[in-house]
Every structure is written in C-alpha cells, then in structure tokens.
Amino acid sequence: MTPVVYDAGILVAADRNVRAAWAEHKVRLEAGVVPAVPAPVITQVSRSPAQAQLGRLLRGCEVVPLTEQRAHAAGELLGRVSSADVVDAAVAQLAAELRADVVTGDQADIRRLLDITGSPSRIIGF
C-alpha cells in the first residue's frame, strides 16, 4: 500500500468521532501504513489538550517535523503557485518527499501544489 499523508480534514473528522475517518485510518494501520502528519497540520486543528480523539488518532501516525530544509522546500512551492497557505505547502512537500498519497478535503489547492513538484501522489478525498 502506498504511504499516505494526512491533511487537516481527516484529523478534524477523527476528533469529531466521524466513523468513516476512523474506519479508513484502521484499514491503513492494518495494512501496515502509518500515516504521516506534518506538524503544521496539527497546529491548524489543535485547540485544546482535551481533544482526546485527536490525540488518539495521532498516536497511530508519524508526526513529521517541519525542518528548515522542508520549510524552504514548502516556501519554494508557495512562491511557484503564488499562494500563502503554509500548511497546504507542508502537506504537498511531504507527500512529494515520501512519494505518498494525500488524504485531504482541500483537493484543488493540494493538487496545484503537487503538480508543481511533479509528484505522482494521488489525492484521496475526505
């Protein structure tokens, strides 16, 4: 199974205990796929340490730091598409780096960024 990067939508859905989000996550884990979550995505969705479901989901993921090298690569993507959405750029950059698919509700913006990278990553809507 192809690696996968989670964008904010699936984290929000899991935090709201949406069954479909949990079912998809479980299928991935059972297939041996540990979803990657760029740290800025957590910043976008985290509002309280009391978000138990969010914490539960993240325990089954690899949280990937936004290193200086990744930050520069994401910034370059933003410049090439004339955008300012740092989180989308971090998601697209990591997906391209890992040659991973992206689970997102923001399909158009992520696709535009992925196209710039030349990545074969697929978009999985959520």
Protein backbone atom coordinates (compact mmCIF):
# COMPACT_ATOMS: atom_id res chain seq x y z
CA MET A 1 0.00 0.00 0.00
CA THR A 2 1.25 3.50 -0.86
CA PRO A 3 2.35 5.78 2.00
CA VAL A 4 -0.14 8.47 2.95
CA VAL A 5 0.00 11.99 4.34
CA TYR A 6 -2.94 13.34 6.34
CA ASP A 7 -4.15 16.91 5.87
CA ALA A 8 -6.37 18.68 8.42
CA GLY A 9 -9.75 17.32 7.26
CA ILE A 10 -9.26 13.78 8.47
CA LEU A 11 -7.85 14.97 11.79
CA VAL A 12 -10.90 17.18 12.35
CA ALA A 13 -13.22 14.32 11.37
CA ALA A 14 -11.49 11.91 13.75
CA ASP A 15 -11.65 14.49 16.53
CA ARG A 16 -15.41 14.71 15.91
CA ASN A 17 -15.53 10.90 16.04
CA VAL A 18 -16.69 10.51 12.42
CA ARG A 19 -16.85 6.76 11.84
CA ALA A 20 -15.63 6.92 8.24
CA ALA A 21 -12.42 8.66 9.33
CA TRP A 22 -11.73 6.00 11.95
CA ALA A 23 -12.57 3.17 9.54
CA GLU A 24 -10.17 4.48 6.87
CA HIS A 25 -7.46 5.03 9.47
CA LYS A 26 -7.89 1.49 10.81
CA VAL A 27 -7.64 -0.02 7.31
CA ARG A 28 -4.36 1.80 6.73
CA LEU A 29 -2.88 0.72 10.04
CA GLU A 30 -3.93 -2.90 9.47
CA ALA A 31 -2.21 -2.76 6.06
CA GLY A 32 0.98 -1.58 7.74
CA VAL A 33 0.68 2.02 6.55
CA VAL A 34 1.44 4.56 9.27
CA PRO A 35 0.05 7.91 8.08
CA ALA A 36 2.43 10.86 8.16
CA VAL A 37 1.15 14.15 9.56
CA PRO A 38 3.19 17.32 9.03
CA ALA A 39 3.45 19.16 12.37
CA PRO A 40 1.85 22.36 10.94
CA VAL A 41 -1.35 20.38 10.27
CA ILE A 42 -1.63 19.73 13.99
CA THR A 43 -1.25 23.45 14.64
CA GLN A 44 -4.15 24.08 12.28
CA VAL A 45 -6.55 21.72 14.10
CA SER A 46 -5.39 21.68 17.73
CA ARG A 47 -7.41 23.88 20.04
CA SER A 48 -7.15 22.15 23.42
CA PRO A 49 -5.21 19.39 25.14
CA ALA A 50 -8.66 17.94 25.88
CA GLN A 51 -9.09 16.81 22.25
CA ALA A 52 -8.89 13.14 23.21
CA GLN A 53 -9.93 11.76 19.83
CA LEU A 54 -7.32 13.87 18.03
CA GLY A 55 -4.66 12.58 20.41
CA ARG A 56 -5.84 9.02 19.85
CA LEU A 57 -5.57 9.39 16.07
CA LEU A 58 -2.12 10.96 16.28
CA ARG A 59 -0.83 8.03 18.34
CA GLY A 60 -1.34 5.94 15.19
CA CYS A 61 0.52 8.41 12.98
CA GLU A 62 4.04 9.65 12.46
CA VAL A 63 4.18 13.36 13.21
CA VAL A 64 6.81 14.81 10.88
CA PRO A 65 8.59 17.99 11.98
CA LEU A 66 8.86 20.99 9.70
CA THR A 67 12.64 21.12 9.47
CA GLU A 68 14.49 24.02 7.96
CA GLN A 69 15.03 22.05 4.75
CA ARG A 70 11.33 21.15 4.48
CA ALA A 71 10.35 24.73 5.28
CA HIS A 72 12.48 26.05 2.41
CA ALA A 73 11.05 23.45 0.01
CA ALA A 74 7.48 24.30 1.05
CA GLY A 75 8.21 28.01 0.71
CA GLU A 76 9.52 27.44 -2.81
CA LEU A 77 6.24 25.69 -3.68
CA LEU A 78 4.27 28.65 -2.34
CA GLY A 79 6.29 31.03 -4.46
CA ARG A 80 5.76 28.94 -7.59
CA VAL A 81 1.96 28.89 -7.21
CA SER A 82 1.58 32.36 -5.67
CA SER A 83 -0.09 31.05 -2.53
CA ALA A 84 0.34 31.77 1.16
CA ASP A 85 -1.09 28.58 2.72
CA VAL A 86 1.88 27.23 4.64
CA VAL A 87 0.01 24.15 5.86
CA ASP A 88 -1.02 23.09 2.34
CA ALA A 89 2.56 23.59 1.18
CA ALA A 90 3.91 21.50 4.07
CA VAL A 91 1.45 18.70 3.18
CA ALA A 92 2.34 18.77 -0.52
CA GLN A 93 6.07 18.98 0.15
CA LEU A 94 5.99 15.98 2.49
CA ALA A 95 3.83 13.96 0.10
CA ALA A 96 6.28 14.64 -2.72
CA GLU A 97 9.24 13.77 -0.48
CA LEU A 98 7.67 10.48 0.60
CA ARG A 99 6.01 9.75 -2.75
CA ALA A 100 2.83 9.45 -0.71
CA ASP A 101 -0.84 9.95 -1.42
CA VAL A 102 -2.66 12.77 0.39
CA VAL A 103 -5.91 12.47 2.35
CA THR A 104 -7.48 15.92 2.15
CA GLY A 105 -10.67 17.87 1.75
CA ASP A 106 -8.71 20.66 0.05
CA GLN A 107 -8.23 18.82 -3.21
CA ALA A 108 -7.79 21.72 -5.64
CA ASP A 109 -5.11 23.57 -3.66
CA ILE A 110 -3.17 20.41 -2.79
CA ARG A 111 -3.35 19.18 -6.41
CA ARG A 112 -1.98 22.51 -7.66
CA LEU A 113 0.97 22.25 -5.27
CA LEU A 114 1.62 18.58 -6.05
CA ASP A 115 1.55 19.28 -9.78
CA ILE A 116 4.40 21.77 -9.31
CA THR A 117 6.51 19.07 -7.63
CA GLY A 118 5.95 16.54 -10.40
CA SER A 119 4.92 14.06 -7.73
CA PRO A 120 2.84 11.03 -8.73
CA SER A 121 0.89 11.44 -5.47
CA ARG A 122 -2.84 10.79 -5.64
CA ILE A 123 -5.44 12.81 -3.81
CA ILE A 124 -7.78 10.82 -1.57
CA GLY A 125 -10.79 12.97 -0.78
CA PHE A 126 -12.12 13.31 2.71
